[in-house]
Amino acid sequence: MLRTLRQAGVEATGDVAQTAEEFTALVQKNSYDVILADYKLPNWNGMESVELLRREGLDVPVILVSGALGELTAVECIKQGAADYVLKDNLAWLPESVRRAMRERRLREEHEQSQQELARSNRDLEQFAYVASHDLQEPLRMVAIYTQLLAERYQGRLDSDADKYIHYAVDGALRMQKLVQDLLAFSRVGRPEVALQSADCNAVLQAGLKNLEAAIQESGAVVEHAQLPVVMADSPQLVQVFQNLISNAIKFRGSGPPSIRVSAETKGKEWVFSVADNGIGIAPEHVESVFVIFRRLNTRAEYPGNGIGLSICKKIIERHGGRIWVESEVGHGSTFRFTLPVKPTSSGG
């Protein structure tokens, strides 16, 4: 095998292991680009090397080199983690198999590195957003207070242009203050680790409805829900998800009173929750962008707010290992759906 690789221009050196113990000792001591393993040896088989590498936390491609290996067996070996297989009477294929395995490993390493850099960049951005928005709170509060004092004391005592300018200053300061508060709320979602505990979604929903009591009474909204499951979740964050989705349904209502229904069903290993309403709906081209932070589909004059509620929902659900999306049609309401893993059942008694 080494001779075949060298003849093909591959700079190859190697060590030989006859037992699982020898193999483990070698991979613990040395770094290898590729493992070439016979499918069946007297004391062990090549697929055991895949498992041993996994146990050691090593990403080294394993190519099986065997005298005879049926197609079904070969496919099963690749499913279990082998990178490729080459028959001993056709070693001419080995150099290309090795090169391909090494290319794929490099791509995996580059992908993992880019993911780590992206995660680090996201953490840095979250930290910056938290610090910036937190530290801006106090100076913005002072600006808002004193511009409001100007408006109260000098309204009508100066000319109409001065009144207009003071109004703009007050409005801008209050909007900036709300924007910074929303940014702080968004950055806080990503700071602590998610504390997963058993959470009864019926109680979680009721807590969210309690927080929305005034808005529900003012709008005449009717909120119905089926029996909801118990899941593993951070209860306060899940309250925020239900609260934001129901608040949106109330805010973006149609001409009649809001009608909202919350339900859940199991699909495989996850719960799919639905929050359906009879509101104004969302155009198909906007069903993705509604989850982007500060993305608004309507003017502030029509609907107040900065467009952060759904982005917070998305961040919370994704941190719980789920996903969130919306199905909607303009004028026919919206159904927001999100998933959470099914709570594992306890065994034993």
Foldseek 3Di string as FASTA:
>chain_A
DCVLQVVVVHPDDDDDDQEPVRLLVDVVVDPDQAAEWEQDHPHDGQLVSVVSCVVVVHDHAYEYEYQDDDPVRQVVSVVSPHQYYHYPVPCNCVNVSSVVRNVVVVVVVVVVVVVVVVVVVVLVVLVVLQVVLVVVQVVLVVQLVVLVVCQVPCPPVDDPVVNVVSVVSNVVSVVVNQVSVLSNVLSVLPPDQWQWDWAQVVVLLVVLCVVCVVLCVVLVEDEEEDRGHIATGRSVLVSLLNNLVVVVQSQQADPHRKYWYWYWDDDPFKIKIKIWIFGQKDDPVCFVVLLPFQDDPDDCVSTNDRSHSNVSSQSRLVSQVKGKTKDIDGRGTIMIMMMHGHHDDDDDD
